[in-house]
Amino acid sequence: MTDSTPRTAPHPNPELLAFARDMRREFSRLHMEHEFAVDEVLTKVSILQREFLHLHQYNPIEHVTSRVKSLDSILHKVTKRGIDWTPQAIRTHLTDIAGVRITCSFIADTYRILDTLTSQTDVKVREIKDYIANPKPNGYKSLHAIIDIPVFLSTGPVPVTVEVQIRTIAMDFWASLEHKIYYKYNGAVPDHLIADLCDAADAAEQLDRRMEQLHTEVRGNGDTTPPDSTEELEEELVLRLWKQSQQES
């Protein structure tokens, strides 16, 4: 005979449920903080773009991309690196959860944007790696900055780490191709392709240098004079301002 007595589901462990709720809340907050940190950096970059256009009639930033790693990606990396599964340990040891990539026109622009961004008083620089002056063996070039930026929440400011990469268009194109090749071969790239990538990196550098030289020849030292903004003011208002300045003098 079969036992027809209905089976009851096992009672969930209250401590396990509480732990799961806490972890879900903490990891959700962790992800939210890094999303806000990216927003803060993008705002800073947008202001720089507008300032350069207004004051110098030149925008050194071609385009900007950003991303925040998914929770699955974060936990995979935590497991791979043997980091404790706690939000605090993750904040301390993972510096690439939030990332912003700035693509500039020329090499000089990359350093200019790096200096301008990292010199802001609310930005704390944790590390800078100059892969333009010191490329990786495979030819990779870029500026990497690990920064802490404050995110102002209802409970107060929270410092959040963001990885900022700054490179030229040629460097970005090369890095994109290199990533696709390494992904296709799962890291085991044939030697001849590695050699070709290195040659391509050298060609990209020559292109960067030549284009920057042409740019300098056309613009000289650069037009740093603001455009004549009086055209944006009403003629009557300009006249009143001029009279007022004459009276004060």
Protein backbone atom coordinates (compact mmCIF):
# COMPACT_ATOMS: atom_id res chain seq x y z
CA MET A 1 0.00 0.00 0.00
CA THR A 2 1.15 3.50 -0.73
CA ASP A 3 1.18 6.17 1.89
CA SER A 4 -1.50 8.70 0.95
CA THR A 5 -0.76 11.01 3.84
CA PRO A 6 -0.20 14.51 2.41
CA ARG A 7 3.30 15.76 2.86
CA THR A 8 3.89 19.18 4.31
CA ALA A 9 6.60 21.41 2.98
CA PRO A 10 9.56 21.84 5.31
CA HIS A 11 9.46 25.04 7.31
CA PRO A 12 12.00 27.56 6.01
CA ASN A 13 14.85 28.40 8.29
CA PRO A 14 14.06 31.86 9.76
CA GLU A 15 17.75 32.71 10.03
CA LEU A 16 18.31 31.76 6.39
CA LEU A 17 15.37 33.92 5.29
CA ALA A 18 16.66 36.88 7.28
CA PHE A 19 20.15 36.40 5.83
CA ALA A 20 18.75 36.23 2.30
CA ARG A 21 16.74 39.43 2.82
CA ASP A 22 19.77 41.25 4.20
CA MET A 23 22.03 40.13 1.37
CA ARG A 24 19.46 41.06 -1.26
CA ARG A 25 19.09 44.50 0.26
CA GLU A 26 22.84 45.06 0.64
CA PHE A 27 23.72 43.94 -2.88
CA SER A 28 20.91 46.01 -4.32
CA ARG A 29 22.29 49.03 -2.49
CA LEU A 30 25.81 48.21 -3.70
CA HIS A 31 24.66 48.16 -7.31
CA MET A 32 22.61 51.33 -6.88
CA GLU A 33 25.58 53.23 -5.41
CA HIS A 34 27.76 52.36 -8.39
CA GLU A 35 25.04 53.40 -10.82
CA PHE A 36 24.85 56.78 -9.08
CA ALA A 37 28.65 57.08 -9.13
CA VAL A 38 28.65 56.60 -12.90
CA ASP A 39 26.00 59.31 -13.17
CA GLU A 40 28.23 61.65 -11.16
CA VAL A 41 31.23 61.05 -13.44
CA LEU A 42 29.13 61.45 -16.59
CA THR A 43 27.85 64.77 -15.28
CA LYS A 44 31.41 65.96 -14.73
CA VAL A 45 32.41 64.89 -18.23
CA SER A 46 29.37 66.58 -19.75
CA ILE A 47 30.25 69.84 -17.99
CA LEU A 48 33.82 69.62 -19.31
CA GLN A 49 32.54 69.09 -22.85
CA ARG A 50 30.30 72.14 -22.66
CA GLU A 51 33.04 74.27 -21.07
CA PHE A 52 35.57 73.40 -23.78
CA LEU A 53 33.07 74.20 -26.51
CA HIS A 54 32.09 77.50 -24.91
CA LEU A 55 35.56 78.75 -23.96
CA HIS A 56 37.79 77.13 -26.58
CA GLN A 57 35.39 76.35 -29.44
CA TYR A 58 36.80 72.84 -29.36
CA ASN A 59 35.57 69.61 -27.81
CA PRO A 60 38.39 67.13 -27.07
CA ILE A 61 35.92 64.38 -26.15
CA GLU A 62 34.52 62.39 -29.06
CA HIS A 63 32.18 60.10 -27.12
CA VAL A 64 31.62 58.57 -23.70
CA THR A 65 30.35 55.13 -22.68
CA SER A 66 29.67 53.64 -19.27
CA ARG A 67 28.60 50.44 -17.59
CA VAL A 68 27.95 48.87 -14.20
CA LYS A 69 28.67 45.17 -13.83
CA SER A 70 25.65 42.96 -13.21
CA LEU A 71 25.34 41.22 -9.86
CA ASP A 72 26.04 37.88 -11.56
CA SER A 73 29.25 39.27 -13.04
CA ILE A 74 30.26 40.75 -9.69
CA LEU A 75 29.72 37.48 -7.81
CA HIS A 76 31.54 35.51 -10.52
CA LYS A 77 34.59 37.73 -10.14
CA VAL A 78 34.35 37.59 -6.34
CA THR A 79 34.41 33.79 -6.48
CA LYS A 80 37.26 33.73 -9.00
CA ARG A 81 39.43 36.03 -6.89
CA GLY A 82 38.54 34.46 -3.55
CA ILE A 83 37.05 37.64 -2.08
CA ASP A 84 34.66 37.43 0.85
CA TRP A 85 31.01 37.56 -0.15
CA THR A 86 30.31 40.69 1.81
CA PRO A 87 29.44 44.08 0.33
CA GLN A 88 32.22 45.76 2.31
CA ALA A 89 34.87 43.34 1.03
CA ILE A 90 33.58 43.76 -2.51
CA ARG A 91 33.72 47.56 -2.22
CA THR A 92 37.29 47.32 -1.00
CA HIS A 93 38.72 44.82 -3.46
CA LEU A 94 36.74 45.28 -6.69
CA THR A 95 37.56 48.55 -8.39
CA ASP A 96 35.95 47.94 -11.78
CA ILE A 97 32.28 47.46 -10.84
CA ALA A 98 31.55 50.88 -12.31
CA GLY A 99 33.35 51.98 -15.44
CA VAL A 100 33.41 55.06 -17.66
CA ARG A 101 35.29 55.16 -20.95
CA ILE A 102 36.15 58.52 -22.51
CA THR A 103 37.29 58.55 -26.13
CA CYS A 104 39.24 61.62 -27.17
CA SER A 105 40.40 62.99 -30.49
CA PHE A 106 44.12 63.11 -29.82
CA ILE A 107 46.75 61.84 -27.37
CA ALA A 108 47.27 65.28 -25.81
CA ASP A 109 43.53 65.43 -25.15
CA THR A 110 43.60 62.21 -23.13
CA TYR A 111 46.12 63.66 -20.68
CA ARG A 112 44.29 66.98 -20.56
CA ILE A 113 40.99 65.32 -19.67
CA LEU A 114 42.67 63.06 -17.11
CA ASP A 115 44.34 66.02 -15.39
CA THR A 116 41.18 68.11 -15.45
CA LEU A 117 38.98 65.33 -14.08
CA THR A 118 41.32 64.05 -11.37
CA SER A 119 42.21 67.55 -10.12
CA GLN A 120 38.64 68.23 -9.00
CA THR A 121 38.46 68.58 -5.24
CA ASP A 122 35.78 65.95 -4.68
CA VAL A 123 37.63 63.30 -6.70
CA LYS A 124 40.06 61.09 -4.80
CA VAL A 125 42.61 59.32 -7.01
CA ARG A 126 43.43 55.81 -5.87
CA GLU A 127 45.59 54.76 -8.81
CA ILE A 128 46.62 55.89 -12.29
CA LYS A 129 48.16 53.63 -14.91
CA ASP A 130 49.59 55.17 -18.05
CA TYR A 131 49.42 52.50 -20.74
CA ILE A 132 50.01 55.15 -23.41
CA ALA A 133 53.53 55.91 -22.25
CA ASN A 134 54.00 52.28 -21.17
CA PRO A 135 51.88 50.04 -23.41
CA LYS A 136 51.03 46.48 -22.43
CA PRO A 137 53.10 43.77 -24.21
CA ASN A 138 50.27 43.09 -26.64
CA GLY A 139 50.18 46.74 -27.72
CA TYR A 140 47.23 47.93 -25.60
CA LYS A 141 47.26 51.69 -24.92
CA SER A 142 45.01 53.71 -22.66
CA LEU A 143 44.97 55.81 -19.51
CA HIS A 144 43.38 54.10 -16.51
CA ALA A 145 42.34 55.99 -13.38
CA ILE A 146 40.76 54.41 -10.32
CA ILE A 147 38.93 57.17 -8.48
CA ASP A 148 36.63 57.50 -5.51
CA ILE A 149 33.74 59.88 -6.00
CA PRO A 150 31.15 60.88 -3.39
CA VAL A 151 27.55 59.84 -3.94
CA PHE A 152 25.19 61.92 -1.84
CA LEU A 153 22.39 59.77 -0.46
CA SER A 154 19.70 60.55 2.10
CA THR A 155 21.94 59.02 4.77
CA GLY A 156 24.93 61.14 3.75
CA PRO A 157 27.82 60.98 1.25
CA VAL A 158 29.21 57.58 0.30
CA PRO A 159 32.58 57.25 -1.51
CA VAL A 160 32.21 54.92 -4.49
CA THR A 161 35.00 53.63 -6.72
CA VAL A 162 34.85 54.13 -10.49
CA GLU A 163 37.33 53.00 -13.12
CA VAL A 164 37.86 55.63 -15.81
CA GLN A 165 39.53 54.73 -19.09
CA ILE A 166 40.65 57.49 -21.45
CA ARG A 167 41.94 56.74 -24.94
CA THR A 168 42.00 58.03 -28.50
CA ILE A 169 39.73 56.89 -31.29
CA ALA A 170 42.53 54.78 -32.79
CA MET A 171 43.29 53.18 -29.42
CA ASP A 172 39.62 52.45 -28.86
CA PHE A 173 39.26 50.83 -32.29
CA TRP A 174 42.32 48.66 -31.65
CA ALA A 175 41.10 47.64 -28.17
CA SER A 176 37.70 46.69 -29.56
CA LEU A 177 39.29 44.46 -32.21
CA GLU A 178 41.68 42.92 -29.69
CA HIS A 179 38.77 42.08 -27.37
CA LYS A 180 36.85 40.37 -30.18
CA ILE A 181 39.89 38.30 -31.17
CA TYR A 182 40.63 37.18 -27.61
CA TYR A 183 36.95 36.35 -27.09
CA LYS A 184 36.80 34.26 -30.26
CA TYR A 185 39.87 32.24 -29.31
CA ASN A 186 38.98 32.14 -25.60
CA GLY A 187 42.33 33.74 -24.76
CA ALA A 188 44.42 31.22 -26.75
CA VAL A 189 45.20 33.56 -29.64
CA PRO A 190 47.56 32.18 -32.32
CA ASP A 191 51.03 33.69 -32.33
CA HIS A 192 50.68 35.18 -35.79
CA LEU A 193 47.56 37.10 -34.74
CA ILE A 194 49.31 38.41 -31.64
CA ALA A 195 52.13 39.67 -33.85
CA ASP A 196 49.61 41.26 -36.22
CA LEU A 197 47.90 42.96 -33.27
CA CYS A 198 51.22 44.43 -32.13
CA ASP A 199 51.87 45.71 -35.66
CA ALA A 200 48.38 47.20 -35.74
CA ALA A 201 49.02 48.92 -32.41
CA ASP A 202 52.16 50.52 -33.85
CA ALA A 203 50.22 51.64 -36.91
CA ALA A 204 47.49 53.11 -34.69
CA GLU A 205 50.10 55.07 -32.76
CA GLN A 206 51.61 56.44 -35.97
CA LEU A 207 48.12 57.47 -37.08
CA ASP A 208 47.51 59.20 -33.74
CA ARG A 209 50.77 61.11 -33.98
CA ARG A 210 50.23 62.15 -37.60
CA MET A 211 46.63 63.28 -37.05
CA GLU A 212 47.66 65.28 -33.98
CA GLN A 213 50.42 66.93 -35.99
CA LEU A 214 47.94 67.92 -38.69
CA HIS A 215 45.53 69.21 -36.06
CA THR A 216 48.27 71.36 -34.50
CA GLU A 217 49.26 72.75 -37.90
CA VAL A 218 45.68 73.78 -38.58
CA ARG A 219 44.88 75.25 -35.15
CA GLY A 220 48.32 76.41 -34.12
CA ASN A 221 48.47 76.60 -30.34
CA GLY A 222 44.68 76.43 -30.17
CA ASP A 223 42.08 79.19 -30.01
CA THR A 224 41.55 79.86 -26.33
CA THR A 225 39.71 83.14 -26.88
CA PRO A 226 36.02 82.88 -26.00
CA PRO A 227 33.65 83.68 -28.86
CA ASP A 228 32.10 87.13 -28.95
CA SER A 229 29.05 86.60 -26.79
CA THR A 230 27.66 90.12 -27.26
CA GLU A 231 25.70 88.80 -30.21
CA GLU A 232 23.63 86.80 -27.74
CA LEU A 233 22.66 89.97 -25.81
CA GLU A 234 20.02 92.44 -26.82
CA GLU A 235 21.52 95.64 -28.24
CA GLU A 236 19.66 97.78 -25.72
CA LEU A 237 20.97 95.71 -22.79
CA VAL A 238 24.54 95.96 -24.07
CA LEU A 239 24.16 99.72 -24.32
CA ARG A 240 22.85 99.96 -20.74
CA LEU A 241 25.71 97.85 -19.45
CA TRP A 242 28.24 100.00 -21.29
CA LYS A 243 26.77 103.22 -19.86
CA GLN A 244 26.78 101.73 -16.37
CA SER A 245 30.44 100.77 -16.70
CA GLN A 246 31.30 104.30 -17.86
CA GLN A 247 29.56 105.85 -14.85
CA GLU A 248 31.37 103.56 -12.43
CA SER A 249 34.73 104.38 -13.96
